């Protein structure tokens, strides 16, 4: 998975997600749960239908934050139509400068 904070507006009540690109999605995937965290703080997330092209467009879901500079992580959990977890992907980036973080797995 990949994403970029470039162009994101900080410190808004509800933060529109940046575009999130998924690749090598497991067969049978129907939905994704997308969550935003910073260390042990959770900023929320949503479960949405998996886009056929693997690209979750910017603004497709909302979370609380980011606001303060630091390392933030999106985690995507891929689920089957029955709700079975088929896989997970994570990527961390610094906000607001958008450097890829060495703090977590991609």
Protein backbone atom coordinates (compact mmCIF):
# COMPACT_ATOMS: atom_id res chain seq x y z
CA UNK A 1 0.00 0.00 0.00
CA UNK A 2 1.04 3.57 -0.43
CA UNK A 3 -0.25 7.04 0.38
CA UNK A 4 0.96 10.62 0.65
CA UNK A 5 0.06 13.46 3.03
CA UNK A 6 1.06 16.08 0.44
CA UNK A 7 -1.78 18.56 0.03
CA UNK A 8 -3.57 17.39 3.21
CA UNK A 9 -5.05 20.03 5.50
CA UNK A 10 -4.09 19.55 9.18
CA UNK A 11 -6.16 20.22 12.29
CA UNK A 12 -9.64 19.83 10.87
CA UNK A 13 -12.46 18.19 12.82
CA UNK A 14 -12.81 15.39 10.31
CA UNK A 15 -9.77 14.67 8.16
CA UNK A 16 -10.35 13.43 4.60
CA UNK A 17 -8.05 10.53 3.83
CA UNK A 18 -5.38 10.96 1.19
CA UNK A 19 -5.52 8.64 -1.82
CA UNK A 20 -4.52 5.13 -0.70
CA UNK A 21 -3.23 2.70 -3.31
CA UNK A 22 -3.35 -1.05 -2.70
CA UNK A 23 -1.57 -3.74 -4.67
CA UNK A 24 -1.44 -7.53 -4.49
CA UNK A 25 -4.85 -7.64 -2.78
CA UNK A 26 -5.79 -11.23 -1.78
CA UNK A 27 -8.35 -13.08 -3.91
CA UNK A 28 -11.86 -13.00 -2.47
CA UNK A 29 -11.43 -9.54 -0.93
CA UNK A 30 -14.67 -7.55 -0.67
CA UNK A 31 -14.03 -4.78 1.84
CA UNK A 32 -11.24 -2.93 3.61
CA UNK A 33 -11.05 -1.48 7.10
CA UNK A 34 -8.81 1.61 7.05
CA UNK A 35 -7.52 2.98 10.36
CA UNK A 36 -5.23 5.92 11.20
CA UNK A 37 -2.98 5.83 14.29
CA UNK A 38 -0.08 7.71 15.83
CA UNK A 39 1.91 5.53 18.25
CA UNK A 40 -0.80 4.35 20.70
CA UNK A 41 -3.38 7.01 19.71
CA UNK A 42 -6.23 5.97 17.46
CA UNK A 43 -7.74 8.55 15.11
CA UNK A 44 -10.56 6.37 13.83
CA UNK A 45 -11.30 4.62 10.61
CA UNK A 46 -14.01 3.13 8.47
CA UNK A 47 -14.81 -0.06 6.64
CA UNK A 48 -15.59 0.49 2.98
CA UNK A 49 -16.11 -1.63 -0.11
CA UNK A 50 -12.84 -2.53 -1.82
CA UNK A 51 -12.47 -0.39 -4.96
CA UNK A 52 -12.10 -2.61 -8.02
CA UNK A 53 -8.99 -0.73 -9.13
CA UNK A 54 -7.37 -0.95 -5.67
CA UNK A 55 -7.32 2.84 -5.27
CA UNK A 56 -9.25 4.36 -2.38
CA UNK A 57 -9.81 7.94 -3.56
CA UNK A 58 -8.97 10.94 -1.41
CA UNK A 59 -11.93 11.89 0.78
CA UNK A 60 -13.56 8.43 0.68
CA UNK A 61 -13.43 8.23 4.48
CA UNK A 62 -12.76 10.52 7.43
CA UNK A 63 -10.75 10.29 10.63
CA UNK A 64 -9.78 12.66 13.46
CA UNK A 65 -6.40 14.17 12.60
CA UNK A 66 -3.54 14.38 11.89
CA UNK A 67 -2.90 17.68 13.60
CA UNK A 68 0.48 17.69 15.32
CA UNK A 69 3.71 16.94 13.45
CA UNK A 70 4.86 13.35 13.86
CA UNK A 71 4.70 9.83 12.48
CA UNK A 72 1.24 8.57 11.52
CA UNK A 73 0.29 5.13 10.21
CA UNK A 74 -2.53 3.87 8.03
CA UNK A 75 -3.41 0.22 8.47
CA UNK A 76 -5.63 -1.52 5.95
CA UNK A 77 -7.32 -4.80 6.89
CA UNK A 78 -8.65 -6.71 3.88
CA UNK A 79 -11.80 -8.79 4.48
CA UNK A 80 -13.85 -11.33 2.56
CA UNK A 81 -17.57 -10.92 1.98
CA UNK A 82 -18.10 -13.08 5.11
CA UNK A 83 -15.89 -10.77 7.18
CA UNK A 84 -12.87 -13.10 7.32
CA UNK A 85 -9.54 -11.25 7.53
CA UNK A 86 -7.51 -12.04 4.41
CA UNK A 87 -4.57 -9.72 4.97
CA UNK A 88 -3.19 -6.49 6.42
CA UNK A 89 -0.94 -3.73 5.15
CA UNK A 90 0.60 -0.78 6.99
CA UNK A 91 2.51 2.30 5.99
CA UNK A 92 3.88 5.08 8.19
CA UNK A 93 4.72 8.61 7.09
CA UNK A 94 5.70 11.79 8.86
CA UNK A 95 3.22 14.64 8.85
CA UNK A 96 3.31 17.30 7.48
CA UNK A 97 6.56 16.82 5.51
CA UNK A 98 5.43 13.42 4.15
CA UNK A 99 8.70 11.52 4.51
CA UNK A 100 8.42 7.77 4.59
CA UNK A 101 8.97 6.66 8.17
CA UNK A 102 11.40 3.95 9.22
CA UNK A 103 9.20 3.39 12.32
CA UNK A 104 6.86 0.80 10.88
CA UNK A 105 6.44 -1.82 8.16
CA UNK A 106 5.07 -0.92 4.73
